[in-house]
N, C-alpha and C. Protein backbone atom coordinates (compact mmCIF):
# COMPACT_ATOMS: atom_id res chain seq x y z
N MET A 1 -48.32 -11.83 -63.88
CA MET A 1 -48.51 -13.23 -62.83
C MET A 1 -47.50 -14.05 -63.10
N THR A 2 -47.25 -14.50 -64.39
CA THR A 2 -46.78 -15.66 -64.72
C THR A 2 -45.31 -15.47 -64.76
N ALA A 3 -44.31 -16.09 -64.13
CA ALA A 3 -42.86 -15.98 -64.40
C ALA A 3 -42.22 -15.96 -65.56
N PRO A 4 -41.50 -15.25 -66.08
CA PRO A 4 -40.98 -15.85 -67.61
C PRO A 4 -40.04 -16.97 -67.20
N ALA A 5 -39.80 -17.97 -68.25
CA ALA A 5 -38.94 -18.82 -68.23
C ALA A 5 -37.67 -18.33 -67.82
N GLY A 6 -37.01 -19.53 -66.86
CA GLY A 6 -35.80 -18.80 -66.39
C GLY A 6 -35.68 -17.39 -65.18
N ALA A 7 -36.82 -17.10 -65.06
CA ALA A 7 -36.72 -16.36 -63.91
C ALA A 7 -36.45 -16.83 -62.53
N VAL A 8 -35.42 -15.98 -61.92
CA VAL A 8 -35.35 -16.90 -60.58
C VAL A 8 -36.00 -16.36 -59.26
N GLY A 9 -36.63 -14.78 -59.23
CA GLY A 9 -37.66 -14.89 -58.35
C GLY A 9 -37.45 -14.57 -56.90
N GLY A 10 -36.29 -14.09 -56.63
CA GLY A 10 -35.99 -14.07 -55.02
C GLY A 10 -34.98 -15.14 -54.57
N GLY A 11 -34.07 -15.77 -55.62
CA GLY A 11 -33.31 -16.55 -55.14
C GLY A 11 -33.90 -18.49 -54.76
N PRO A 12 -33.32 -19.28 -54.61
CA PRO A 12 -33.79 -20.67 -54.02
C PRO A 12 -35.01 -20.63 -53.51
N ALA A 13 -35.37 -19.87 -52.33
CA ALA A 13 -36.17 -20.38 -51.27
C ALA A 13 -37.04 -19.44 -51.52
N GLY A 14 -37.25 -18.24 -52.46
CA GLY A 14 -38.28 -17.29 -52.65
C GLY A 14 -38.13 -16.09 -51.81
N PRO A 15 -39.01 -15.22 -51.71
CA PRO A 15 -39.39 -14.00 -50.81
C PRO A 15 -39.65 -14.41 -49.88
N ALA A 16 -38.63 -14.32 -48.71
CA ALA A 16 -38.46 -14.65 -47.37
C ALA A 16 -38.67 -16.05 -47.04
N GLY A 17 -38.06 -16.66 -47.83
CA GLY A 17 -37.87 -18.50 -47.72
C GLY A 17 -39.30 -19.07 -48.38
N LYS A 18 -39.98 -18.16 -48.90
CA LYS A 18 -41.73 -18.86 -49.11
C LYS A 18 -41.43 -20.01 -50.56
N ALA A 19 -42.16 -21.29 -50.44
CA ALA A 19 -42.20 -22.40 -50.94
C ALA A 19 -42.27 -21.65 -52.15
N LYS A 20 -41.85 -22.73 -53.46
CA LYS A 20 -42.07 -22.33 -55.01
C LYS A 20 -42.89 -23.25 -55.47
N ALA A 21 -43.84 -23.24 -56.45
CA ALA A 21 -44.46 -24.64 -57.26
C ALA A 21 -44.06 -24.05 -58.49
N LEU A 22 -43.71 -24.98 -59.38
CA LEU A 22 -43.05 -25.27 -60.88
C LEU A 22 -44.20 -25.60 -61.50
N LEU A 23 -45.03 -24.64 -62.43
CA LEU A 23 -45.89 -24.82 -62.98
C LEU A 23 -45.32 -25.00 -64.83
N VAL A 24 -45.88 -26.25 -65.13
CA VAL A 24 -45.30 -26.48 -66.56
C VAL A 24 -46.29 -26.92 -67.33
N ASP A 25 -46.66 -26.14 -68.57
CA ASP A 25 -47.86 -26.55 -69.25
C ASP A 25 -47.54 -25.55 -70.64
N ASP A 26 -47.65 -26.02 -72.03
CA ASP A 26 -47.39 -25.46 -73.00
C ASP A 26 -48.48 -24.82 -73.42
N ARG A 27 -49.49 -24.43 -72.56
CA ARG A 27 -50.91 -23.45 -72.67
C ARG A 27 -50.45 -22.64 -71.78
N ARG A 28 -50.93 -21.04 -72.32
CA ARG A 28 -50.30 -20.23 -71.22
C ARG A 28 -51.91 -20.04 -70.49
N GLU A 29 -53.31 -20.52 -71.35
CA GLU A 29 -54.18 -20.25 -70.44
C GLU A 29 -54.41 -21.24 -69.57
N ASN A 30 -53.56 -22.73 -69.44
CA ASN A 30 -53.70 -23.32 -68.66
C ASN A 30 -52.64 -23.16 -67.29
N LEU A 31 -52.01 -22.07 -67.42
CA LEU A 31 -50.69 -21.76 -66.49
C LEU A 31 -51.97 -20.83 -65.43
N LEU A 32 -52.12 -20.00 -66.26
CA LEU A 32 -53.04 -18.67 -65.70
C LEU A 32 -54.27 -19.23 -64.76
N ALA A 33 -54.77 -20.36 -65.38
CA ALA A 33 -55.99 -21.18 -64.59
C ALA A 33 -55.03 -21.81 -63.39
N LEU A 34 -54.06 -22.38 -63.45
CA LEU A 34 -53.38 -22.93 -62.33
C LEU A 34 -52.77 -21.74 -61.32
N GLU A 35 -52.57 -20.72 -61.52
CA GLU A 35 -52.13 -19.83 -60.69
C GLU A 35 -53.22 -19.35 -60.15
N ALA A 36 -54.53 -19.10 -60.66
CA ALA A 36 -55.39 -18.71 -59.96
C ALA A 36 -55.78 -19.66 -58.84
N ILE A 37 -56.15 -21.07 -59.43
CA ILE A 37 -56.14 -22.12 -58.55
C ILE A 37 -55.57 -22.01 -56.96
N LEU A 38 -54.10 -21.85 -57.06
CA LEU A 38 -53.16 -21.65 -56.17
C LEU A 38 -53.11 -20.28 -55.21
N GLN A 39 -53.86 -19.46 -55.73
CA GLN A 39 -54.29 -17.88 -54.99
C GLN A 39 -54.60 -18.49 -53.71
N GLY A 40 -53.89 -17.45 -52.97
CA GLY A 40 -54.20 -17.62 -51.18
C GLY A 40 -53.05 -18.87 -50.68
N LEU A 41 -52.82 -19.47 -51.39
CA LEU A 41 -51.72 -20.28 -50.57
C LEU A 41 -50.30 -19.97 -50.31
N PRO A 42 -49.65 -20.60 -49.56
CA PRO A 42 -48.44 -19.88 -49.12
C PRO A 42 -47.46 -20.55 -49.85
N VAL A 43 -47.73 -19.92 -51.28
CA VAL A 43 -46.50 -20.90 -52.41
C VAL A 43 -46.41 -19.58 -53.43
N GLU A 44 -45.29 -19.66 -53.95
CA GLU A 44 -45.09 -18.76 -55.12
C GLU A 44 -44.90 -19.45 -56.62
N PRO A 45 -46.10 -19.39 -57.38
CA PRO A 45 -45.93 -20.24 -58.60
C PRO A 45 -44.86 -19.85 -59.70
N VAL A 46 -44.25 -20.40 -60.41
CA VAL A 46 -43.52 -20.13 -61.27
C VAL A 46 -43.42 -21.08 -62.50
N ALA A 47 -44.07 -20.24 -63.46
CA ALA A 47 -44.90 -21.00 -64.76
C ALA A 47 -43.79 -20.84 -65.88
N VAL A 48 -43.71 -22.07 -66.66
CA VAL A 48 -42.95 -22.34 -67.59
C VAL A 48 -43.70 -23.03 -68.81
N GLU A 49 -43.58 -22.57 -70.27
CA GLU A 49 -44.26 -23.48 -71.19
C GLU A 49 -43.79 -24.48 -71.88
N SER A 50 -42.36 -25.10 -71.07
CA SER A 50 -41.90 -26.13 -72.18
C SER A 50 -41.21 -27.30 -71.07
N GLY A 51 -41.07 -28.48 -71.41
CA GLY A 51 -39.92 -29.22 -69.96
C GLY A 51 -38.38 -28.66 -70.06
N GLU A 52 -38.09 -28.25 -71.46
CA GLU A 52 -36.88 -27.55 -71.42
C GLU A 52 -36.56 -26.33 -70.86
N ALA A 53 -37.78 -25.33 -70.90
CA ALA A 53 -37.45 -24.29 -69.71
C ALA A 53 -37.74 -24.94 -68.28
N ALA A 54 -38.78 -26.09 -68.06
CA ALA A 54 -38.72 -26.27 -66.69
C ALA A 54 -37.46 -26.74 -65.87
N LEU A 55 -36.47 -27.67 -66.87
CA LEU A 55 -35.36 -28.12 -66.49
C LEU A 55 -34.27 -27.14 -66.21
N LYS A 56 -34.35 -26.24 -67.00
CA LYS A 56 -33.64 -24.62 -66.98
C LYS A 56 -33.79 -24.03 -65.71
N GLN A 57 -35.20 -24.17 -65.15
CA GLN A 57 -35.76 -23.50 -63.84
C GLN A 57 -35.07 -23.99 -62.66
N LEU A 58 -34.80 -25.37 -62.80
CA LEU A 58 -34.78 -26.20 -61.98
C LEU A 58 -33.12 -26.38 -61.58
N LEU A 59 -32.60 -25.52 -62.35
CA LEU A 59 -31.28 -25.35 -62.28
C LEU A 59 -30.69 -24.24 -60.94
N VAL A 60 -31.73 -23.22 -61.09
CA VAL A 60 -31.65 -22.02 -60.52
C VAL A 60 -32.62 -21.85 -59.29
N ASP A 61 -33.73 -22.64 -59.13
CA ASP A 61 -34.51 -22.54 -58.08
C ASP A 61 -34.58 -23.99 -57.03
N ASP A 62 -35.12 -23.82 -56.35
CA ASP A 62 -35.60 -24.75 -55.55
C ASP A 62 -37.40 -24.83 -55.35
N PHE A 63 -37.89 -26.06 -55.33
CA PHE A 63 -39.34 -26.19 -55.77
C PHE A 63 -39.96 -26.93 -54.75
N ALA A 64 -41.05 -26.59 -54.09
CA ALA A 64 -41.60 -27.85 -53.20
C ALA A 64 -42.47 -28.85 -53.87
N VAL A 65 -42.95 -28.62 -55.10
CA VAL A 65 -43.86 -29.41 -55.89
C VAL A 65 -43.83 -28.63 -57.25
N ILE A 66 -44.04 -29.85 -58.50
CA ILE A 66 -43.87 -29.52 -59.58
C ILE A 66 -45.47 -30.21 -60.31
N LEU A 67 -45.80 -28.94 -60.86
CA LEU A 67 -47.18 -29.44 -61.38
C LEU A 67 -47.22 -29.41 -62.81
N LEU A 68 -46.92 -30.88 -63.56
CA LEU A 68 -46.45 -30.98 -65.00
C LEU A 68 -47.42 -31.75 -65.91
N ASP A 69 -47.42 -30.99 -67.32
CA ASP A 69 -48.53 -31.25 -68.01
C ASP A 69 -47.66 -32.89 -68.78
N ALA A 70 -48.63 -33.54 -68.69
CA ALA A 70 -47.62 -34.84 -69.39
C ALA A 70 -47.71 -34.76 -70.93
N GLN A 71 -48.78 -34.02 -71.78
CA GLN A 71 -48.80 -34.22 -73.20
C GLN A 71 -48.14 -32.51 -73.59
N MET A 72 -46.92 -32.35 -73.74
CA MET A 72 -46.48 -31.29 -74.57
C MET A 72 -45.64 -31.66 -75.68
N PRO A 73 -45.47 -30.56 -76.72
CA PRO A 73 -44.73 -30.90 -77.79
C PRO A 73 -43.69 -30.93 -77.64
N GLU A 74 -42.38 -31.46 -78.59
CA GLU A 74 -41.08 -31.76 -78.25
C GLU A 74 -40.84 -32.58 -76.99
N MET A 75 -40.35 -31.78 -75.88
CA MET A 75 -40.20 -32.72 -74.66
C MET A 75 -41.56 -32.99 -73.82
N ASP A 76 -42.20 -34.18 -73.88
CA ASP A 76 -43.39 -34.17 -72.87
C ASP A 76 -42.94 -34.33 -71.55
N GLY A 77 -43.94 -34.54 -70.61
CA GLY A 77 -43.88 -34.56 -69.41
C GLY A 77 -43.41 -35.54 -68.86
N PHE A 78 -43.38 -36.91 -69.43
CA PHE A 78 -42.79 -37.92 -69.16
C PHE A 78 -41.47 -37.82 -69.13
N GLU A 79 -40.85 -37.67 -70.40
CA GLU A 79 -39.26 -37.04 -70.64
C GLU A 79 -38.60 -36.24 -69.75
N THR A 80 -39.89 -34.96 -69.46
CA THR A 80 -39.11 -33.96 -68.56
C THR A 80 -39.10 -34.94 -67.08
N ALA A 81 -40.21 -35.48 -66.86
CA ALA A 81 -39.93 -35.90 -65.45
C ALA A 81 -38.65 -37.16 -65.22
N SER A 82 -38.47 -37.68 -66.15
CA SER A 82 -37.56 -38.46 -66.09
C SER A 82 -35.92 -37.93 -65.76
N HIS A 83 -35.79 -36.55 -66.52
CA HIS A 83 -34.63 -35.82 -66.36
C HIS A 83 -34.45 -35.23 -65.22
N ILE A 84 -35.71 -34.88 -64.44
CA ILE A 84 -35.66 -34.27 -63.10
C ILE A 84 -35.57 -35.36 -62.18
N LYS A 85 -35.71 -36.57 -62.12
CA LYS A 85 -35.16 -37.68 -61.30
C LYS A 85 -34.03 -38.16 -61.43
N ARG A 86 -33.37 -38.02 -62.74
CA ARG A 86 -31.91 -38.08 -62.76
C ARG A 86 -31.13 -37.46 -62.19
N ARG A 87 -31.62 -36.07 -61.88
CA ARG A 87 -30.52 -34.88 -61.16
C ARG A 87 -30.69 -35.43 -59.82
N GLU A 88 -29.58 -35.31 -59.33
CA GLU A 88 -29.51 -35.31 -57.58
C GLU A 88 -29.91 -34.18 -56.76
N ARG A 89 -30.22 -32.87 -57.47
CA ARG A 89 -30.47 -31.75 -56.94
C ARG A 89 -31.99 -31.86 -56.95
N THR A 90 -32.76 -32.50 -57.81
CA THR A 90 -34.09 -32.34 -57.71
C THR A 90 -34.85 -33.77 -57.77
N ARG A 91 -34.14 -34.79 -57.88
CA ARG A 91 -34.87 -36.14 -57.84
C ARG A 91 -35.93 -36.23 -56.73
N GLN A 92 -35.78 -35.18 -55.41
CA GLN A 92 -36.79 -35.57 -54.39
C GLN A 92 -37.94 -34.51 -54.42
N VAL A 93 -37.93 -34.10 -55.63
CA VAL A 93 -39.13 -32.66 -55.81
C VAL A 93 -40.13 -33.76 -55.95
N PRO A 94 -41.52 -33.66 -55.47
CA PRO A 94 -42.62 -34.07 -56.08
C PRO A 94 -43.14 -33.40 -57.06
N ILE A 95 -43.56 -34.65 -57.95
CA ILE A 95 -44.16 -34.32 -59.33
C ILE A 95 -45.46 -34.57 -59.53
N ILE A 96 -46.70 -33.86 -59.81
CA ILE A 96 -47.80 -34.19 -59.74
C ILE A 96 -48.27 -33.77 -61.28
N PHE A 97 -48.46 -34.88 -61.82
CA PHE A 97 -48.79 -35.04 -63.77
C PHE A 97 -50.30 -34.57 -63.97
N LEU A 98 -50.50 -33.43 -64.82
CA LEU A 98 -51.85 -33.24 -65.15
C LEU A 98 -52.28 -33.67 -66.39
N THR A 99 -53.31 -34.13 -66.86
CA THR A 99 -53.25 -34.19 -68.38
C THR A 99 -54.77 -34.57 -68.69
N ALA A 100 -54.97 -34.18 -69.64
CA ALA A 100 -56.40 -34.44 -70.29
C ALA A 100 -56.91 -35.49 -70.79
N ALA A 101 -56.03 -36.43 -70.99
CA ALA A 101 -55.83 -37.86 -71.88
C ALA A 101 -56.58 -38.89 -70.46
N ASP A 102 -57.72 -38.83 -70.21
CA ASP A 102 -58.26 -39.64 -69.13
C ASP A 102 -58.65 -40.89 -69.78
N ARG A 103 -58.69 -41.13 -71.24
CA ARG A 103 -58.85 -42.39 -71.77
C ARG A 103 -58.23 -43.38 -71.73
N ASP A 104 -56.74 -42.99 -71.37
CA ASP A 104 -55.70 -44.12 -71.48
C ASP A 104 -55.05 -44.47 -69.88
N ALA A 105 -55.36 -45.56 -69.43
CA ALA A 105 -54.89 -45.83 -68.18
C ALA A 105 -53.46 -46.10 -68.15
N GLN A 106 -52.85 -46.11 -69.49
CA GLN A 106 -51.18 -46.68 -69.21
C GLN A 106 -50.76 -45.32 -69.35
N LEU A 107 -50.96 -44.01 -69.64
CA LEU A 107 -50.71 -42.76 -69.47
C LEU A 107 -50.23 -42.45 -67.47
N ALA A 108 -51.29 -42.60 -67.07
CA ALA A 108 -51.05 -42.94 -65.41
C ALA A 108 -49.82 -43.89 -65.19
N LEU A 109 -49.80 -44.76 -65.28
CA LEU A 109 -48.89 -45.87 -65.24
C LEU A 109 -47.45 -45.30 -65.82
N ARG A 110 -47.41 -44.64 -66.89
CA ARG A 110 -46.27 -43.89 -66.98
C ARG A 110 -46.04 -42.96 -66.34
N GLY A 111 -46.86 -42.10 -66.09
CA GLY A 111 -46.41 -41.22 -65.22
C GLY A 111 -45.92 -41.69 -63.45
N TYR A 112 -46.40 -42.41 -63.06
CA TYR A 112 -45.97 -43.26 -61.80
C TYR A 112 -44.57 -43.47 -62.16
N ALA A 113 -44.41 -44.58 -63.33
CA ALA A 113 -43.16 -45.05 -63.74
C ALA A 113 -41.88 -43.70 -63.55
N ALA A 114 -42.57 -42.82 -64.07
CA ALA A 114 -41.68 -41.78 -64.16
C ALA A 114 -41.07 -40.94 -62.95
N GLY A 115 -41.85 -41.13 -62.08
CA GLY A 115 -41.60 -40.67 -60.66
C GLY A 115 -42.78 -39.47 -60.34
N ALA A 116 -43.74 -39.52 -61.07
CA ALA A 116 -44.77 -38.90 -60.05
C ALA A 116 -45.22 -39.57 -58.86
N VAL A 117 -45.99 -38.50 -58.22
CA VAL A 117 -46.58 -38.98 -56.81
C VAL A 117 -47.82 -38.60 -57.09
N ASP A 118 -48.82 -38.18 -58.04
CA ASP A 118 -49.85 -38.41 -58.27
C ASP A 118 -50.18 -37.78 -59.42
N TYR A 119 -51.27 -38.23 -59.92
CA TYR A 119 -51.43 -37.88 -61.58
C TYR A 119 -53.26 -37.59 -61.61
N LEU A 120 -53.42 -36.29 -62.11
CA LEU A 120 -54.81 -35.98 -61.74
C LEU A 120 -54.98 -35.79 -63.53
N THR A 121 -56.52 -35.93 -64.12
CA THR A 121 -56.96 -35.80 -65.14
C THR A 121 -57.94 -34.42 -65.21
N LYS A 122 -57.46 -33.76 -66.48
CA LYS A 122 -58.40 -32.57 -66.37
C LYS A 122 -60.31 -32.85 -67.02
N PRO A 123 -60.80 -32.23 -66.73
CA PRO A 123 -60.73 -31.28 -66.11
C PRO A 123 -60.74 -31.62 -64.28
N PHE A 124 -60.04 -31.13 -63.23
CA PHE A 124 -60.07 -32.00 -61.93
C PHE A 124 -60.65 -30.61 -61.21
N ASP A 125 -60.98 -31.46 -59.74
CA ASP A 125 -61.01 -30.22 -58.66
C ASP A 125 -60.43 -29.73 -58.06
N PRO A 126 -60.46 -28.03 -58.41
CA PRO A 126 -59.62 -27.31 -57.86
C PRO A 126 -59.05 -27.48 -56.66
N TRP A 127 -60.49 -27.73 -55.91
CA TRP A 127 -60.00 -28.28 -54.29
C TRP A 127 -59.03 -29.33 -54.01
N VAL A 128 -59.12 -30.11 -54.81
CA VAL A 128 -58.33 -31.74 -54.89
C VAL A 128 -56.98 -30.90 -55.02
N LEU A 129 -56.37 -30.22 -56.14
CA LEU A 129 -55.26 -30.28 -56.53
C LEU A 129 -54.81 -29.05 -55.41
N ARG A 130 -55.24 -28.17 -55.01
CA ARG A 130 -54.85 -27.15 -53.50
C ARG A 130 -54.61 -28.01 -52.61
N ALA A 131 -55.41 -28.96 -52.08
CA ALA A 131 -55.15 -29.82 -50.92
C ALA A 131 -54.06 -30.19 -51.10
N LYS A 132 -53.65 -30.91 -52.30
CA LYS A 132 -52.44 -31.76 -52.90
C LYS A 132 -51.05 -30.91 -52.46
N VAL A 133 -51.20 -29.88 -53.21
CA VAL A 133 -50.47 -28.73 -53.12
C VAL A 133 -49.55 -28.34 -51.67
N SER A 134 -50.76 -27.76 -51.00
CA SER A 134 -50.64 -27.50 -49.54
C SER A 134 -50.08 -28.71 -48.86
N VAL A 135 -50.22 -29.92 -49.03
CA VAL A 135 -49.72 -30.94 -48.49
C VAL A 135 -48.10 -30.90 -48.41
N PHE A 136 -47.66 -30.54 -49.76
CA PHE A 136 -46.36 -30.57 -50.14
C PHE A 136 -45.46 -29.43 -49.84
N VAL A 137 -46.37 -28.17 -49.74
CA VAL A 137 -45.47 -27.11 -49.34
C VAL A 137 -45.50 -27.07 -47.60
N GLU A 138 -46.23 -27.90 -47.11
CA GLU A 138 -46.05 -28.16 -45.93
C GLU A 138 -44.85 -28.73 -45.59
N LEU A 139 -44.91 -29.93 -46.12
CA LEU A 139 -43.66 -30.95 -45.88
C LEU A 139 -42.50 -29.95 -46.28
N TRP A 140 -42.47 -29.38 -47.28
CA TRP A 140 -41.02 -28.35 -47.56
C TRP A 140 -40.74 -27.47 -46.76
N ASP A 141 -41.72 -27.05 -46.10
CA ASP A 141 -41.60 -25.98 -45.01
C ASP A 141 -40.92 -26.46 -43.76
N LYS A 142 -41.54 -27.96 -43.25
CA LYS A 142 -41.29 -28.78 -42.32
C LYS A 142 -39.52 -29.10 -42.41
N THR A 143 -39.41 -29.45 -43.76
CA THR A 143 -38.10 -30.32 -44.01
C THR A 143 -36.87 -28.78 -44.27
N ARG A 144 -37.29 -27.50 -44.53
CA ARG A 144 -36.23 -26.64 -44.22
C ARG A 144 -36.35 -26.18 -42.58
N GLN A 145 -37.23 -26.12 -41.86
CA GLN A 145 -37.38 -25.84 -40.43
C GLN A 145 -36.25 -27.09 -39.72
N LEU A 146 -36.45 -28.42 -40.09
CA LEU A 146 -35.90 -29.27 -39.68
C LEU A 146 -34.25 -29.16 -39.77
N ALA A 147 -34.04 -28.59 -41.11
CA ALA A 147 -32.37 -28.34 -41.76
C ALA A 147 -31.84 -27.41 -41.37
N ALA A 148 -32.58 -26.65 -40.46
CA ALA A 148 -32.09 -25.13 -40.04
C ALA A 148 -32.06 -25.50 -38.69
N GLN A 149 -32.90 -26.01 -37.84
CA GLN A 149 -32.80 -26.32 -36.78
C GLN A 149 -31.22 -27.77 -36.26
N ALA A 150 -31.21 -28.26 -37.45
CA ALA A 150 -29.81 -29.33 -37.49
C ALA A 150 -28.56 -28.44 -37.53
N GLU A 151 -28.98 -27.46 -38.26
CA GLU A 151 -27.37 -26.57 -38.68
C GLU A 151 -27.29 -25.96 -37.70
N VAL A 152 -28.35 -25.30 -36.63
CA VAL A 152 -28.02 -24.68 -35.34
C VAL A 152 -27.25 -25.61 -34.55
N VAL A 153 -27.83 -26.80 -34.26
CA VAL A 153 -27.08 -27.55 -33.45
C VAL A 153 -26.03 -28.12 -33.76
N ARG A 154 -25.67 -28.35 -35.12
CA ARG A 154 -24.01 -28.37 -35.87
C ARG A 154 -23.27 -27.44 -35.35
N GLN A 155 -23.48 -26.05 -35.58
CA GLN A 155 -22.62 -24.95 -35.22
C GLN A 155 -22.38 -24.82 -33.60
N ARG A 156 -23.36 -25.41 -32.76
CA ARG A 156 -23.25 -25.33 -31.26
C ARG A 156 -22.41 -26.31 -30.75
N ASP A 157 -22.55 -27.63 -31.62
CA ASP A 157 -21.40 -28.54 -31.38
C ASP A 157 -20.29 -28.31 -31.47
N GLY A 158 -19.81 -27.55 -32.55
CA GLY A 158 -18.69 -27.32 -32.92
C GLY A 158 -18.17 -26.09 -31.97
N GLN A 159 -19.17 -25.28 -31.54
CA GLN A 159 -18.71 -23.89 -30.28
C GLN A 159 -18.07 -24.96 -29.15
N TRP A 160 -18.80 -25.67 -28.89
CA TRP A 160 -18.82 -26.23 -27.35
C TRP A 160 -17.53 -27.43 -27.62
N ARG A 161 -17.25 -27.48 -28.50
CA ARG A 161 -16.16 -28.24 -28.84
C ARG A 161 -14.79 -27.46 -28.69
N ALA A 162 -14.92 -26.16 -29.71
CA ALA A 162 -13.73 -25.18 -29.33
C ALA A 162 -13.69 -24.77 -28.00
N LEU A 163 -14.83 -24.84 -27.21
CA LEU A 163 -14.09 -24.12 -25.78
C LEU A 163 -13.86 -25.24 -24.85
N VAL A 164 -14.50 -26.34 -25.25
CA VAL A 164 -13.34 -27.45 -24.58
C VAL A 164 -12.02 -27.48 -24.70
N GLU A 165 -11.86 -27.58 -25.79
CA GLU A 165 -10.47 -27.62 -26.31
C GLU A 165 -9.67 -26.38 -25.78
N ALA A 166 -10.15 -25.30 -25.90
CA ALA A 166 -9.60 -24.26 -25.30
C ALA A 166 -8.96 -23.98 -23.66
N VAL A 167 -10.49 -24.49 -23.03
CA VAL A 167 -10.08 -24.72 -21.68
C VAL A 167 -9.06 -25.92 -21.30
N ASP A 168 -8.68 -26.93 -22.20
CA ASP A 168 -7.73 -27.87 -21.98
C ASP A 168 -6.53 -27.32 -22.24
N GLU A 169 -6.38 -26.45 -23.43
CA GLU A 169 -5.27 -25.78 -23.39
C GLU A 169 -4.87 -24.88 -22.59
N ALA A 170 -5.74 -24.09 -22.10
CA ALA A 170 -5.40 -23.15 -20.86
C ALA A 170 -4.99 -24.03 -19.66
N THR A 171 -5.46 -25.15 -19.27
CA THR A 171 -5.31 -26.03 -18.29
C THR A 171 -3.73 -26.40 -18.56
N ALA A 172 -3.48 -26.75 -19.09
CA ALA A 172 -2.16 -27.14 -19.59
C ALA A 172 -1.03 -26.43 -19.64
N VAL A 173 -1.41 -25.04 -20.37
CA VAL A 173 -0.50 -24.14 -20.14
C VAL A 173 -0.10 -23.85 -18.63
N LEU A 174 -1.24 -23.67 -17.65
CA LEU A 174 -1.05 -23.23 -16.20
C LEU A 174 -0.32 -24.46 -15.36
N ARG A 175 -0.46 -25.55 -15.83
CA ARG A 175 -0.05 -26.81 -15.25
C ARG A 175 1.96 -26.50 -15.41
N ASP A 176 2.07 -25.93 -16.85
CA ASP A 176 3.58 -25.76 -17.30
C ASP A 176 4.05 -24.83 -16.55
N GLY A 177 3.07 -24.03 -16.03
CA GLY A 177 4.23 -23.02 -15.34
C GLY A 177 4.71 -22.01 -16.18
N GLY A 178 5.48 -21.67 -15.31
CA GLY A 178 6.49 -20.61 -16.11
C GLY A 178 6.28 -18.97 -16.46
N ASP A 179 7.01 -18.06 -16.72
CA ASP A 179 6.39 -16.76 -16.89
C ASP A 179 5.63 -16.44 -17.98
N GLY A 180 4.42 -16.02 -17.17
CA GLY A 180 3.54 -15.54 -18.16
C GLY A 180 2.35 -16.47 -18.40
N ALA A 181 2.38 -17.82 -17.70
CA ALA A 181 1.59 -18.68 -18.07
C ALA A 181 -0.20 -18.51 -17.59
N ALA A 182 0.12 -17.71 -16.78
CA ALA A 182 -1.53 -17.10 -16.21
C ALA A 182 -2.09 -16.15 -17.60
N ALA A 183 -1.61 -15.41 -17.84
CA ALA A 183 -1.72 -14.23 -18.71
C ALA A 183 -1.94 -15.20 -20.11
N ARG A 184 -1.36 -16.44 -20.44
CA ARG A 184 -1.20 -17.04 -21.76
C ARG A 184 -2.72 -17.78 -21.67
N ALA A 185 -2.77 -17.98 -20.67
CA ALA A 185 -3.91 -19.13 -20.18
C ALA A 185 -5.56 -18.23 -20.71
N VAL A 186 -5.19 -16.89 -19.89
CA VAL A 186 -6.43 -15.97 -20.11
C VAL A 186 -6.52 -15.81 -21.36
N GLU A 187 -5.62 -15.46 -22.38
CA GLU A 187 -5.67 -14.95 -23.68
C GLU A 187 -6.07 -16.18 -24.55
N ILE A 188 -5.93 -17.52 -24.30
CA ILE A 188 -6.71 -18.61 -24.92
C ILE A 188 -8.33 -18.65 -24.61
N LEU A 189 -8.43 -18.48 -23.10
CA LEU A 189 -9.92 -18.47 -22.98
C LEU A 189 -10.66 -17.55 -23.41
N GLU A 190 -10.27 -16.43 -23.51
CA GLU A 190 -10.64 -14.72 -24.29
C GLU A 190 -11.26 -15.09 -25.48
N ALA A 191 -10.13 -15.82 -26.47
CA ALA A 191 -9.86 -16.04 -28.02
C ALA A 191 -10.98 -16.78 -28.05
N ALA A 192 -11.16 -18.00 -27.20
CA ALA A 192 -12.29 -19.27 -27.30
C ALA A 192 -13.53 -18.34 -26.87
N ARG A 193 -13.68 -17.50 -26.04
CA ARG A 193 -14.99 -16.80 -25.89
C ARG A 193 -15.62 -15.96 -26.62
N TRP A 194 -14.45 -15.32 -27.26
CA TRP A 194 -15.31 -14.51 -28.61
C TRP A 194 -15.63 -15.57 -29.89
N GLY A 195 -14.79 -16.58 -29.67
CA GLY A 195 -15.20 -17.26 -31.28
C GLY A 195 -16.05 -17.98 -30.73
N GLY A 196 -16.75 -18.21 -30.00
CA GLY A 196 -17.97 -19.07 -29.40
C GLY A 196 -18.82 -17.82 -28.96
N SER A 197 -19.05 -16.78 -29.02
CA SER A 197 -19.88 -15.79 -29.04
C SER A 197 -21.52 -16.03 -29.20
N GLY A 198 -21.72 -16.69 -29.94
CA GLY A 198 -22.85 -17.20 -30.31
C GLY A 198 -23.87 -18.16 -29.21
N LEU A 199 -22.68 -18.92 -28.12
CA LEU A 199 -23.58 -19.38 -27.39
C LEU A 199 -23.84 -18.59 -26.24
N PRO A 200 -24.65 -19.46 -25.38
CA PRO A 200 -25.61 -18.63 -24.29
C PRO A 200 -24.55 -18.25 -23.11
């Protein structure tokens, strides 16, 4: 159930474009608990056990949300988050910090300063975490849909421009007249028609 560090798992968008959540915790039992909490949500969990492994995973996958343990050996969550926010590709990925250190309010401030969108202390209500993850997964899905629609519009605009240019070119050929002008104009229009075959 837990994906090994560095596993790609179906490419940047996951199987059939499914959103992914990156789970980062140095304790395996915590990762298993997070995966159990996320079961049933439309998200594929990808679990890693260090900040360094998280940064490597972010090089090969895109994620809807990152659940990041604040206190880890070597590279802690705050340092990991600062690296994530410095990268162009990952700076917009929402980070939810998870920590057992509820005694120190300064840790929460550090988390927000490092770029976290939320900060939960353990033990946390699993339904609250599910709700938060659901919101970010939905936002990720909507963003992908809008990007796909924008790409379709961009391609349509390009095809229409090509057709208009072809009509203008064919009209100029007909105006110039000469032997084979009509045949040449037809060739231009036919080429444009097949080139813009995605149009209705």
